[in-house]
Amino acid sequence: MALDQNRQLNNLETCMGLLNEVIGAVVAETALDKLDPGAGLLKKGMAAIAGFEGEKVIEEKIDEHQAAEQQAADQQPAPDASQS
């Protein structure tokens, strides 16, 4: 049962990751359209790739930041209830 739930969670994370990357590509291509309406296919493709890859970098940075915060929280000593 737990293995099946873990597999479903991994599938969901994979789908969400791919969705985020596609959104990054679409946003970058849309931004290029607004900046340069006459942009050719090569520029649009490069913008889409940059958005796709850029989203992965941003997600990694967010994960690193959250892991650092969690590690800092784990290292703090637990409050002493007897002093209250």
N, C-alpha and C. Protein backbone atom coordinates (compact mmCIF):
# COMPACT_ATOMS: atom_id res chain seq x y z
N MET A 1 0.82 -1.19 0.00
CA MET A 1 0.00 0.00 0.00
C MET A 1 0.86 1.25 0.00
N ALA A 2 1.86 1.30 0.90
CA ALA A 2 2.72 2.49 0.98
C ALA A 2 3.54 2.64 -0.29
N LEU A 3 3.96 1.53 -0.87
CA LEU A 3 4.74 1.58 -2.11
C LEU A 3 3.91 2.17 -3.23
N ASP A 4 2.63 1.78 -3.29
CA ASP A 4 1.73 2.32 -4.32
C ASP A 4 1.52 3.82 -4.13
N GLN A 5 1.36 4.27 -2.90
CA GLN A 5 1.20 5.69 -2.62
C GLN A 5 2.47 6.46 -2.97
N ASN A 6 3.62 5.88 -2.68
CA ASN A 6 4.89 6.51 -3.01
C ASN A 6 5.05 6.63 -4.52
N ARG A 7 4.66 5.61 -5.24
CA ARG A 7 4.73 5.64 -6.70
C ARG A 7 3.81 6.71 -7.27
N GLN A 8 2.60 6.82 -6.70
CA GLN A 8 1.65 7.85 -7.15
C GLN A 8 2.19 9.24 -6.87
N LEU A 9 2.83 9.42 -5.72
CA LEU A 9 3.42 10.71 -5.37
C LEU A 9 4.54 11.06 -6.34
N ASN A 10 5.38 10.08 -6.67
CA ASN A 10 6.46 10.32 -7.63
C ASN A 10 5.90 10.68 -9.00
N ASN A 11 4.84 10.01 -9.43
CA ASN A 11 4.21 10.32 -10.71
C ASN A 11 3.64 11.73 -10.70
N LEU A 12 3.02 12.12 -9.60
CA LEU A 12 2.46 13.46 -9.48
C LEU A 12 3.57 14.51 -9.52
N GLU A 13 4.67 14.26 -8.80
CA GLU A 13 5.79 15.20 -8.81
C GLU A 13 6.39 15.32 -10.21
N THR A 14 6.49 14.22 -10.92
CA THR A 14 7.02 14.24 -12.27
C THR A 14 6.11 15.04 -13.19
N CYS A 15 4.81 14.81 -13.09
CA CYS A 15 3.85 15.55 -13.92
C CYS A 15 3.88 17.04 -13.59
N MET A 16 3.93 17.38 -12.32
CA MET A 16 3.97 18.79 -11.93
C MET A 16 5.27 19.43 -12.40
N GLY A 17 6.38 18.72 -12.31
CA GLY A 17 7.65 19.25 -12.79
C GLY A 17 7.61 19.53 -14.27
N LEU A 18 7.06 18.60 -15.03
CA LEU A 18 6.95 18.78 -16.47
C LEU A 18 6.00 19.93 -16.79
N LEU A 19 4.91 20.03 -16.06
CA LEU A 19 3.96 21.12 -16.27
C LEU A 19 4.63 22.46 -16.01
N ASN A 20 5.41 22.56 -14.93
CA ASN A 20 6.12 23.79 -14.63
C ASN A 20 7.10 24.16 -15.73
N GLU A 21 7.80 23.17 -16.27
CA GLU A 21 8.76 23.43 -17.33
C GLU A 21 8.07 23.90 -18.61
N VAL A 22 6.94 23.30 -18.93
CA VAL A 22 6.18 23.72 -20.11
C VAL A 22 5.67 25.15 -19.90
N ILE A 23 5.19 25.45 -18.71
CA ILE A 23 4.72 26.81 -18.41
C ILE A 23 5.88 27.79 -18.57
N GLY A 24 7.06 27.43 -18.09
CA GLY A 24 8.23 28.29 -18.24
C GLY A 24 8.54 28.57 -19.70
N ALA A 25 8.44 27.53 -20.54
CA ALA A 25 8.69 27.70 -21.97
C ALA A 25 7.65 28.61 -22.61
N VAL A 26 6.39 28.41 -22.26
CA VAL A 26 5.31 29.23 -22.85
C VAL A 26 5.44 30.68 -22.40
N VAL A 27 5.75 30.91 -21.14
CA VAL A 27 5.89 32.28 -20.64
C VAL A 27 7.05 32.98 -21.34
N ALA A 28 8.16 32.29 -21.50
CA ALA A 28 9.31 32.90 -22.17
C ALA A 28 9.00 33.23 -23.63
N GLU A 29 8.31 32.34 -24.31
CA GLU A 29 7.96 32.58 -25.71
C GLU A 29 6.95 33.73 -25.83
N THR A 30 6.02 33.82 -24.90
CA THR A 30 5.04 34.90 -24.90
C THR A 30 5.73 36.24 -24.62
N ALA A 31 6.68 36.23 -23.69
CA ALA A 31 7.43 37.46 -23.40
C ALA A 31 8.21 37.92 -24.62
N LEU A 32 8.80 36.98 -25.35
CA LEU A 32 9.52 37.33 -26.57
C LEU A 32 8.57 37.94 -27.59
N ASP A 33 7.38 37.38 -27.72
CA ASP A 33 6.39 37.93 -28.66
C ASP A 33 6.05 39.38 -28.32
N LYS A 34 5.97 39.69 -27.03
CA LYS A 34 5.64 41.06 -26.63
C LYS A 34 6.82 42.00 -26.89
N LEU A 35 8.04 41.51 -26.68
CA LEU A 35 9.22 42.34 -26.90
C LEU A 35 9.57 42.50 -28.37
N ASP A 36 9.41 41.41 -29.12
CA ASP A 36 9.78 41.42 -30.53
C ASP A 36 8.72 40.65 -31.32
N PRO A 37 7.63 41.35 -31.71
CA PRO A 37 6.54 40.67 -32.41
C PRO A 37 6.97 40.02 -33.73
N GLY A 38 8.04 40.49 -34.32
CA GLY A 38 8.50 39.91 -35.57
C GLY A 38 9.56 38.83 -35.40
N ALA A 39 9.69 38.31 -34.20
CA ALA A 39 10.72 37.30 -33.94
C ALA A 39 10.46 36.05 -34.78
N GLY A 40 11.54 35.50 -35.27
CA GLY A 40 11.42 34.30 -36.10
C GLY A 40 11.33 33.03 -35.27
N LEU A 41 11.22 31.93 -35.98
CA LEU A 41 11.08 30.63 -35.34
C LEU A 41 12.30 30.29 -34.48
N LEU A 42 13.49 30.64 -34.94
CA LEU A 42 14.71 30.34 -34.18
C LEU A 42 14.70 31.07 -32.84
N LYS A 43 14.38 32.36 -32.85
CA LYS A 43 14.32 33.12 -31.60
C LYS A 43 13.26 32.57 -30.66
N LYS A 44 12.10 32.23 -31.21
CA LYS A 44 11.03 31.68 -30.38
C LYS A 44 11.44 30.33 -29.78
N GLY A 45 12.11 29.52 -30.57
CA GLY A 45 12.59 28.23 -30.06
C GLY A 45 13.63 28.42 -28.96
N MET A 46 14.53 29.37 -29.17
CA MET A 46 15.54 29.64 -28.15
C MET A 46 14.90 30.16 -26.87
N ALA A 47 13.90 31.01 -26.99
CA ALA A 47 13.19 31.52 -25.81
C ALA A 47 12.49 30.39 -25.07
N ALA A 48 11.87 29.50 -25.83
CA ALA A 48 11.16 28.37 -25.19
C ALA A 48 12.14 27.47 -24.44
N ILE A 49 13.28 27.20 -25.05
CA ILE A 49 14.30 26.37 -24.38
C ILE A 49 14.82 27.08 -23.14
N ALA A 50 15.08 28.37 -23.25
CA ALA A 50 15.56 29.13 -22.10
C ALA A 50 14.54 29.11 -20.96
N GLY A 51 13.27 29.27 -21.29
CA GLY A 51 12.23 29.22 -20.26
C GLY A 51 12.12 27.84 -19.63
N PHE A 52 12.23 26.81 -20.46
CA PHE A 52 12.15 25.42 -19.99
C PHE A 52 13.30 25.14 -19.03
N GLU A 53 14.52 25.49 -19.42
CA GLU A 53 15.70 25.24 -18.58
C GLU A 53 15.73 26.18 -17.38
N GLY A 54 15.31 27.43 -17.58
CA GLY A 54 15.32 28.39 -16.49
C GLY A 54 14.40 27.99 -15.36
N GLU A 55 13.28 27.40 -15.69
CA GLU A 55 12.34 26.95 -14.65
C GLU A 55 12.98 25.88 -13.79
N LYS A 56 13.74 24.99 -14.41
CA LYS A 56 14.42 23.93 -13.64
C LYS A 56 15.42 24.53 -12.66
N VAL A 57 16.16 25.54 -13.11
CA VAL A 57 17.15 26.19 -12.24
C VAL A 57 16.45 26.88 -11.06
N ILE A 58 15.37 27.57 -11.35
CA ILE A 58 14.63 28.25 -10.29
C ILE A 58 14.08 27.24 -9.29
N GLU A 59 13.55 26.14 -9.78
CA GLU A 59 13.01 25.11 -8.89
C GLU A 59 14.11 24.51 -8.02
N GLU A 60 15.30 24.28 -8.58
CA GLU A 60 16.42 23.76 -7.80
C GLU A 60 16.83 24.74 -6.71
N LYS A 61 16.87 26.03 -7.03
CA LYS A 61 17.24 27.05 -6.04
C LYS A 61 16.21 27.10 -4.91
N ILE A 62 14.94 27.00 -5.25
CA ILE A 62 13.90 27.00 -4.22
C ILE A 62 14.04 25.78 -3.33
N ASP A 63 14.29 24.61 -3.93
CA ASP A 63 14.48 23.38 -3.15
C ASP A 63 15.69 23.49 -2.22
N GLU A 64 16.80 24.08 -2.73
CA GLU A 64 17.99 24.26 -1.89
C GLU A 64 17.68 25.18 -0.71
N HIS A 65 16.95 26.25 -0.98
CA HIS A 65 16.60 27.20 0.08
C HIS A 65 15.71 26.54 1.13
N GLN A 66 14.73 25.77 0.68
CA GLN A 66 13.84 25.09 1.62
C GLN A 66 14.60 24.05 2.43
N ALA A 67 15.54 23.35 1.80
CA ALA A 67 16.34 22.35 2.52
C ALA A 67 17.22 23.02 3.56
N ALA A 68 17.79 24.18 3.23
CA ALA A 68 18.62 24.91 4.18
C ALA A 68 17.79 25.39 5.37
N GLU A 69 16.59 25.89 5.10
CA GLU A 69 15.71 26.32 6.18
C GLU A 69 15.33 25.14 7.07
N GLN A 70 15.03 24.01 6.46
CA GLN A 70 14.65 22.83 7.23
C GLN A 70 15.83 22.35 8.08
N GLN A 71 17.02 22.37 7.50
CA GLN A 71 18.21 21.94 8.24
C GLN A 71 18.47 22.88 9.42
N ALA A 72 18.30 24.16 9.22
CA ALA A 72 18.49 25.12 10.30
C ALA A 72 17.45 24.90 11.40
N ALA A 73 16.22 24.62 11.01
CA ALA A 73 15.16 24.37 11.99
C ALA A 73 15.43 23.08 12.77
N ASP A 74 15.98 22.08 12.08
CA ASP A 74 16.28 20.81 12.74
C ASP A 74 17.44 20.94 13.72
N GLN A 75 18.34 21.88 13.48
CA GLN A 75 19.52 22.04 14.33
C GLN A 75 19.24 22.88 15.57
N GLN A 76 18.14 23.62 15.57
CA GLN A 76 17.80 24.42 16.74
C GLN A 76 17.38 23.51 17.88
N PRO A 77 17.84 23.80 19.08
CA PRO A 77 17.45 22.94 20.22
C PRO A 77 15.97 23.10 20.52
N ALA A 78 15.39 22.03 20.97
CA ALA A 78 13.97 22.05 21.33
C ALA A 78 13.78 22.91 22.57
N PRO A 79 12.70 23.67 22.64
CA PRO A 79 12.45 24.50 23.82
C PRO A 79 12.26 23.63 25.06
N ASP A 80 12.81 24.08 26.15
CA ASP A 80 12.74 23.34 27.42
C ASP A 80 11.43 23.67 28.11
N ALA A 81 10.53 22.71 28.20
CA ALA A 81 9.21 22.94 28.79
C ALA A 81 9.26 23.14 30.30
N SER A 82 10.34 22.70 30.96
CA SER A 82 10.40 22.81 32.41
C SER A 82 10.68 24.23 32.89
N GLN A 83 11.13 25.12 32.00
CA GLN A 83 11.43 26.48 32.37
C GLN A 83 10.21 27.38 32.32
N SER A 84 9.09 26.92 31.86
CA SER A 84 7.88 27.74 31.74
C SER A 84 7.22 27.97 33.04
